[in-house]
């Protein structure tokens, strides 16, 4: 009787650990093949046949369509350069330059991957419409209230994520350092 109970307990524990680990990796992803530059994180292999099984499960679960390796790469930021989570009640500034790319987009998402609802229906900027300085640098401010210049409304949500997609770019699997890909800085500049 004790052998049966021990075997059943071991099976239950193994099942809970296995299902829990699978759920964690498919919802939060893994660091296999991750490219980290400042606040920005990318997984350049997700759009290739070489994608790891954990990323494949995460893509299948979310229904996202990753950018193919030949098309570009997508970078995600959920915190600023100081590791402070992006808060929609604070002013956050993305500034600097992007790596070489034919076209890029910067989009604001909630933590579930949906566009942040706002009355202006402004969800992001593209490289063609952004206002730049004389040196080619730009500054985009995410804030709950209107700001001059390049402004994205956060709607005051507690947490959000920024997605920077670079199209037709040399940035990818071989990129390792900020010198290879100069990413924009992400800074929280004001918080009530």
C-alpha atoms as a PDB file:
ATOM      1  CA  UNK A   1       0.000   0.000   0.000  1.00  0.00           C
ATOM      2  CA  UNK A   2       2.814   2.383   0.889  1.00  0.00           C
ATOM      3  CA  UNK A   3       4.511   1.689  -2.481  1.00  0.00           C
ATOM      4  CA  UNK A   4       1.328   2.584  -4.386  1.00  0.00           C
ATOM      5  CA  UNK A   5       0.866   5.802  -2.386  1.00  0.00           C
ATOM      6  CA  UNK A   6       4.519   6.836  -2.900  1.00  0.00           C
ATOM      7  CA  UNK A   7       4.312   6.091  -6.630  1.00  0.00           C
ATOM      8  CA  UNK A   8       1.084   8.090  -7.021  1.00  0.00           C
ATOM      9  CA  UNK A   9       2.549  11.001  -5.036  1.00  0.00           C
ATOM     10  CA  UNK A  10       5.674  10.976  -7.221  1.00  0.00           C
ATOM     11  CA  UNK A  11       3.515  10.975 -10.373  1.00  0.00           C
ATOM     12  CA  UNK A  12       1.398  13.879  -9.103  1.00  0.00           C
ATOM     13  CA  UNK A  13       4.493  15.908  -8.167  1.00  0.00           C
ATOM     14  CA  UNK A  14       6.134  15.157 -11.549  1.00  0.00           C
ATOM     15  CA  UNK A  15       2.955  16.174 -13.390  1.00  0.00           C
ATOM     16  CA  UNK A  16       2.603  19.438 -11.472  1.00  0.00           C
ATOM     17  CA  UNK A  17       6.276  20.339 -11.994  1.00  0.00           C
ATOM     18  CA  UNK A  18       6.146  19.403 -15.706  1.00  0.00           C
ATOM     19  CA  UNK A  19       2.937  21.304 -16.443  1.00  0.00           C
ATOM     20  CA  UNK A  20       4.130  24.277 -14.387  1.00  0.00           C
ATOM     21  CA  UNK A  21       7.489  24.439 -16.182  1.00  0.00           C
ATOM     22  CA  UNK A  22       5.773  24.163 -19.564  1.00  0.00           C
ATOM     23  CA  UNK A  23       3.325  26.926 -18.681  1.00  0.00           C
ATOM     24  CA  UNK A  24       6.151  29.192 -17.433  1.00  0.00           C
ATOM     25  CA  UNK A  25       8.287  28.764 -20.555  1.00  0.00           C
ATOM     26  CA  UNK A  26       5.378  29.168 -22.956  1.00  0.00           C
ATOM     27  CA  UNK A  27       4.090  32.347 -21.271  1.00  0.00           C
ATOM     28  CA  UNK A  28       7.329  34.039 -20.219  1.00  0.00           C
ATOM     29  CA  UNK A  29       9.724  32.610 -22.777  1.00  0.00           C
ATOM     30  CA  UNK A  30      13.324  31.612 -22.238  1.00  0.00           C
ATOM     31  CA  UNK A  31      16.707  33.220 -22.697  1.00  0.00           C
ATOM     32  CA  UNK A  32      17.833  30.804 -25.431  1.00  0.00           C
ATOM     33  CA  UNK A  33      19.168  32.883 -28.317  1.00  0.00           C
ATOM     34  CA  UNK A  34      18.228  36.164 -26.629  1.00  0.00           C
ATOM     35  CA  UNK A  35      19.941  39.382 -27.675  1.00  0.00           C
ATOM     36  CA  UNK A  36      20.004  42.003 -24.873  1.00  0.00           C
ATOM     37  CA  UNK A  37      21.154  45.580 -25.564  1.00  0.00           C
ATOM     38  CA  UNK A  38      20.315  48.085 -22.826  1.00  0.00           C
ATOM     39  CA  UNK A  39      16.596  47.900 -22.060  1.00  0.00           C
ATOM     40  CA  UNK A  40      15.871  46.133 -25.353  1.00  0.00           C
ATOM     41  CA  UNK A  41      15.539  42.367 -25.776  1.00  0.00           C
ATOM     42  CA  UNK A  42      15.228  40.470 -29.068  1.00  0.00           C
ATOM     43  CA  UNK A  43      15.024  36.854 -30.095  1.00  0.00           C
ATOM     44  CA  UNK A  44      16.400  36.949 -33.662  1.00  0.00           C
ATOM     45  CA  UNK A  45      15.895  33.225 -34.281  1.00  0.00           C
ATOM     46  CA  UNK A  46      12.143  33.196 -33.612  1.00  0.00           C
ATOM     47  CA  UNK A  47      11.379  33.843 -37.278  1.00  0.00           C
ATOM     48  CA  UNK A  48      13.636  31.022 -38.509  1.00  0.00           C
ATOM     49  CA  UNK A  49      13.582  27.245 -38.759  1.00  0.00           C
ATOM     50  CA  UNK A  50      16.256  27.220 -35.987  1.00  0.00           C
ATOM     51  CA  UNK A  51      13.830  28.484 -33.324  1.00  0.00           C
ATOM     52  CA  UNK A  52      14.146  26.681 -30.002  1.00  0.00           C
ATOM     53  CA  UNK A  53      11.176  24.525 -28.903  1.00  0.00           C
ATOM     54  CA  UNK A  54      10.317  26.812 -25.975  1.00  0.00           C
ATOM     55  CA  UNK A  55      10.027  29.879 -28.200  1.00  0.00           C
ATOM     56  CA  UNK A  56       8.025  27.825 -30.688  1.00  0.00           C
ATOM     57  CA  UNK A  57       5.579  26.867 -27.906  1.00  0.00           C
ATOM     58  CA  UNK A  58       5.350  30.505 -26.801  1.00  0.00           C
ATOM     59  CA  UNK A  59       4.593  31.623 -30.376  1.00  0.00           C
ATOM     60  CA  UNK A  60       1.965  28.901 -30.766  1.00  0.00           C
ATOM     61  CA  UNK A  61       0.330  29.888 -27.469  1.00  0.00           C
ATOM     62  CA  UNK A  62       0.251  33.639 -28.173  1.00  0.00           C
ATOM     63  CA  UNK A  63      -0.596  33.413 -31.878  1.00  0.00           C
ATOM     64  CA  UNK A  64       2.039  36.033 -32.716  1.00  0.00           C
ATOM     65  CA  UNK A  65       3.590  36.096 -36.160  1.00  0.00           C
ATOM     66  CA  UNK A  66       7.312  36.736 -35.682  1.00  0.00           C
ATOM     67  CA  UNK A  67       9.369  38.725 -38.163  1.00  0.00           C
ATOM     68  CA  UNK A  68      11.355  36.436 -40.454  1.00  0.00           C
ATOM     69  CA  UNK A  69      15.132  36.644 -40.092  1.00  0.00           C
ATOM     70  CA  UNK A  70      15.542  38.006 -43.618  1.00  0.00           C
ATOM     71  CA  UNK A  71      12.927  40.694 -42.988  1.00  0.00           C
ATOM     72  CA  UNK A  72      14.162  42.204 -39.736  1.00  0.00           C
ATOM     73  CA  UNK A  73      14.134  41.871 -35.983  1.00  0.00           C
ATOM     74  CA  UNK A  74      11.804  42.968 -33.168  1.00  0.00           C
ATOM     75  CA  UNK A  75      13.112  44.385 -29.876  1.00  0.00           C
ATOM     76  CA  UNK A  76      10.952  44.543 -26.744  1.00  0.00           C
ATOM     77  CA  UNK A  77      11.434  46.807 -23.709  1.00  0.00           C
ATOM     78  CA  UNK A  78       9.386  46.298 -20.534  1.00  0.00           C
ATOM     79  CA  UNK A  79      11.704  48.337 -18.303  1.00  0.00           C
ATOM     80  CA  UNK A  80      13.940  51.378 -18.709  1.00  0.00           C
ATOM     81  CA  UNK A  81      17.755  51.301 -18.780  1.00  0.00           C
ATOM     82  CA  UNK A  82      17.759  51.364 -14.945  1.00  0.00           C
ATOM     83  CA  UNK A  83      15.573  48.205 -14.853  1.00  0.00           C
ATOM     84  CA  UNK A  84      12.568  50.199 -13.614  1.00  0.00           C
ATOM     85  CA  UNK A  85       9.328  48.783 -15.133  1.00  0.00           C
ATOM     86  CA  UNK A  86       7.653  51.044 -17.696  1.00  0.00           C
ATOM     87  CA  UNK A  87       4.784  52.754 -15.890  1.00  0.00           C
ATOM     88  CA  UNK A  88       2.038  54.564 -17.804  1.00  0.00           C
ATOM     89  CA  UNK A  89       1.579  57.058 -14.974  1.00  0.00           C
ATOM     90  CA  UNK A  90       5.184  58.266 -15.424  1.00  0.00           C
ATOM     91  CA  UNK A  91       6.907  60.104 -18.276  1.00  0.00           C
ATOM     92  CA  UNK A  92       9.275  57.783 -20.149  1.00  0.00           C
ATOM     93  CA  UNK A  93      11.587  59.014 -22.899  1.00  0.00           C
ATOM     94  CA  UNK A  94      13.047  56.903 -25.694  1.00  0.00           C
ATOM     95  CA  UNK A  95      15.892  58.865 -27.264  1.00  0.00           C
ATOM     96  CA  UNK A  96      18.900  58.537 -29.512  1.00  0.00           C
ATOM     97  CA  UNK A  97      19.270  56.681 -32.780  1.00  0.00           C
ATOM     98  CA  UNK A  98      18.364  53.252 -34.072  1.00  0.00           C
ATOM     99  CA  UNK A  99      20.626  50.739 -35.791  1.00  0.00           C
ATOM    100  CA  UNK A 100      20.776  50.916 -39.574  1.00  0.00           C
ATOM    101  CA  UNK A 101      17.429  49.849 -41.010  1.00  0.00           C
ATOM    102  CA  UNK A 102      15.422  50.695 -44.100  1.00  0.00           C
ATOM    103  CA  UNK A 103      12.296  51.201 -41.983  1.00  0.00           C
ATOM    104  CA  UNK A 104      11.387  50.901 -38.302  1.00  0.00           C
ATOM    105  CA  UNK A 105       8.356  51.205 -36.042  1.00  0.00           C
ATOM    106  CA  UNK A 106       8.013  51.963 -32.336  1.00  0.00           C
ATOM    107  CA  UNK A 107       4.733  50.743 -30.844  1.00  0.00           C
ATOM    108  CA  UNK A 108       3.173  50.854 -27.363  1.00  0.00           C
ATOM    109  CA  UNK A 109       1.479  47.689 -26.045  1.00  0.00           C
ATOM    110  CA  UNK A 110      -0.133  46.686 -22.775  1.00  0.00           C
ATOM    111  CA  UNK A 111       1.345  43.680 -20.954  1.00  0.00           C
ATOM    112  CA  UNK A 112      -1.107  41.321 -22.700  1.00  0.00           C
ATOM    113  CA  UNK A 113       0.194  42.336 -26.123  1.00  0.00           C
ATOM    114  CA  UNK A 114      -2.705  44.600 -27.116  1.00  0.00           C
ATOM    115  CA  UNK A 115      -2.400  48.162 -28.365  1.00  0.00           C
ATOM    116  CA  UNK A 116      -2.945  50.664 -25.555  1.00  0.00           C
ATOM    117  CA  UNK A 117      -6.390  52.202 -25.984  1.00  0.00           C
ATOM    118  CA  UNK A 118      -6.496  55.979 -26.245  1.00  0.00           C
ATOM    119  CA  UNK A 119      -8.902  58.553 -27.655  1.00  0.00           C
ATOM    120  CA  UNK A 120      -6.377  59.803 -30.243  1.00  0.00           C
ATOM    121  CA  UNK A 121      -5.883  56.291 -31.639  1.00  0.00           C
ATOM    122  CA  UNK A 122      -2.127  56.921 -31.699  1.00  0.00           C
ATOM    123  CA  UNK A 123      -0.280  53.688 -31.016  1.00  0.00           C
ATOM    124  CA  UNK A 124       3.201  54.257 -32.366  1.00  0.00           C
ATOM    125  CA  UNK A 125       5.590  56.019 -34.723  1.00  0.00           C
ATOM    126  CA  UNK A 126       7.434  55.016 -37.855  1.00  0.00           C
ATOM    127  CA  UNK A 127      10.854  56.098 -39.064  1.00  0.00           C
ATOM    128  CA  UNK A 128       9.171  58.146 -41.804  1.00  0.00           C
ATOM    129  CA  UNK A 129       6.922  60.258 -39.596  1.00  0.00           C
ATOM    130  CA  UNK A 130       9.033  60.919 -36.527  1.00  0.00           C
ATOM    131  CA  UNK A 131      10.413  64.400 -35.833  1.00  0.00           C
ATOM    132  CA  UNK A 132      14.209  64.280 -35.655  1.00  0.00           C
ATOM    133  CA  UNK A 133      16.983  66.599 -34.570  1.00  0.00           C
ATOM    134  CA  UNK A 134      19.594  67.973 -36.980  1.00  0.00           C
ATOM    135  CA  UNK A 135      21.947  65.105 -36.069  1.00  0.00           C
ATOM    136  CA  UNK A 136      19.324  62.442 -36.920  1.00  0.00           C
ATOM    137  CA  UNK A 137      18.509  61.625 -33.311  1.00  0.00           C
ATOM    138  CA  UNK A 138      14.956  61.571 -32.015  1.00  0.00           C
ATOM    139  CA  UNK A 139      13.060  61.678 -28.751  1.00  0.00           C
ATOM    140  CA  UNK A 140       9.702  60.024 -28.119  1.00  0.00           C
ATOM    141  CA  UNK A 141       7.896  60.693 -24.859  1.00  0.00           C
ATOM    142  CA  UNK A 142       5.371  58.229 -23.430  1.00  0.00           C
ATOM    143  CA  UNK A 143       3.054  59.955 -20.971  1.00  0.00           C
ATOM    144  CA  UNK A 144      -0.551  59.916 -19.809  1.00  0.00           C
ATOM    145  CA  UNK A 145      -1.062  63.593 -20.753  1.00  0.00           C
ATOM    146  CA  UNK A 146      -0.267  65.473 -23.932  1.00  0.00           C
ATOM    147  CA  UNK A 147       3.329  66.521 -24.564  1.00  0.00           C
ATOM    148  CA  UNK A 148       4.941  68.559 -27.334  1.00  0.00           C
ATOM    149  CA  UNK A 149       6.832  66.735 -30.079  1.00  0.00           C
ATOM    150  CA  UNK A 150       6.788  62.973 -30.500  1.00  0.00           C
ATOM    151  CA  UNK A 151       4.281  61.837 -27.876  1.00  0.00           C
ATOM    152  CA  UNK A 152       2.572  58.478 -27.314  1.00  0.00           C
ATOM    153  CA  UNK A 153      -0.349  58.411 -24.861  1.00  0.00           C
ATOM    154  CA  UNK A 154      -0.191  55.661 -22.242  1.00  0.00           C
ATOM    155  CA  UNK A 155      -3.715  56.108 -20.940  1.00  0.00           C
ATOM    156  CA  UNK A 156      -2.234  55.965 -17.434  1.00  0.00           C
ATOM    157  CA  UNK A 157      -2.008  52.157 -17.455  1.00  0.00           C
ATOM    158  CA  UNK A 158       0.193  50.685 -14.769  1.00  0.00           C
ATOM    159  CA  UNK A 159       2.562  48.642 -16.968  1.00  0.00           C
ATOM    160  CA  UNK A 160       3.275  48.584 -20.682  1.00  0.00           C
ATOM    161  CA  UNK A 161       5.840  47.416 -23.208  1.00  0.00           C
ATOM    162  CA  UNK A 162       7.542  49.077 -26.168  1.00  0.00           C
ATOM    163  CA  UNK A 163       8.217  47.171 -29.376  1.00  0.00           C
ATOM    164  CA  UNK A 164      10.876  48.469 -31.766  1.00  0.00           C
ATOM    165  CA  UNK A 165      10.756  46.609 -35.075  1.00  0.00           C
ATOM    166  CA  UNK A 166      13.672  47.067 -37.472  1.00  0.00           C
ATOM    167  CA  UNK A 167      13.006  46.054 -41.076  1.00  0.00           C
ATOM    168  CA  UNK A 168      15.696  45.224 -43.628  1.00  0.00           C
ATOM    169  CA  UNK A 169      18.517  45.566 -41.116  1.00  0.00           C
ATOM    170  CA  UNK A 170      21.882  43.861 -40.585  1.00  0.00           C
ATOM    171  CA  UNK A 171      21.062  43.473 -36.874  1.00  0.00           C
ATOM    172  CA  UNK A 172      20.393  39.858 -36.019  1.00  0.00           C
ATOM    173  CA  UNK A 173      21.879  36.633 -34.748  1.00  0.00           C
ATOM    174  CA  UNK A 174      25.512  37.808 -34.998  1.00  0.00           C
ATOM    175  CA  UNK A 175      24.856  41.074 -33.113  1.00  0.00           C
ATOM    176  CA  UNK A 176      26.350  40.998 -29.622  1.00  0.00           C
ATOM    177  CA  UNK A 177      27.197  44.511 -28.381  1.00  0.00           C
ATOM    178  CA  UNK A 178      25.752  48.016 -28.360  1.00  0.00           C
ATOM    179  CA  UNK A 179      28.497  48.987 -30.823  1.00  0.00           C
ATOM    180  CA  UNK A 180      27.027  46.494 -33.314  1.00  0.00           C
ATOM    181  CA  UNK A 181      23.534  47.922 -32.820  1.00  0.00           C
ATOM    182  CA  UNK A 182      23.223  51.382 -31.208  1.00  0.00           C
ATOM    183  CA  UNK A 183      19.811  51.138 -29.555  1.00  0.00           C
ATOM    184  CA  UNK A 184      17.819  54.131 -28.267  1.00  0.00           C
ATOM    185  CA  UNK A 185      18.030  54.887 -24.557  1.00  0.00           C
ATOM    186  CA  UNK A 186      14.923  54.337 -22.406  1.00  0.00           C
ATOM    187  CA  UNK A 187      14.643  56.558 -19.324  1.00  0.00           C
ATOM    188  CA  UNK A 188      11.945  57.356 -16.788  1.00  0.00           C
ATOM    189  CA  UNK A 189      12.143  61.147 -16.395  1.00  0.00           C
ATOM    190  CA  UNK A 190       9.139  62.046 -14.296  1.00  0.00           C
ATOM    191  CA  UNK A 191       6.751  60.218 -12.045  1.00  0.00           C
ATOM    192  CA  UNK A 192       4.016  61.710  -9.842  1.00  0.00           C
END
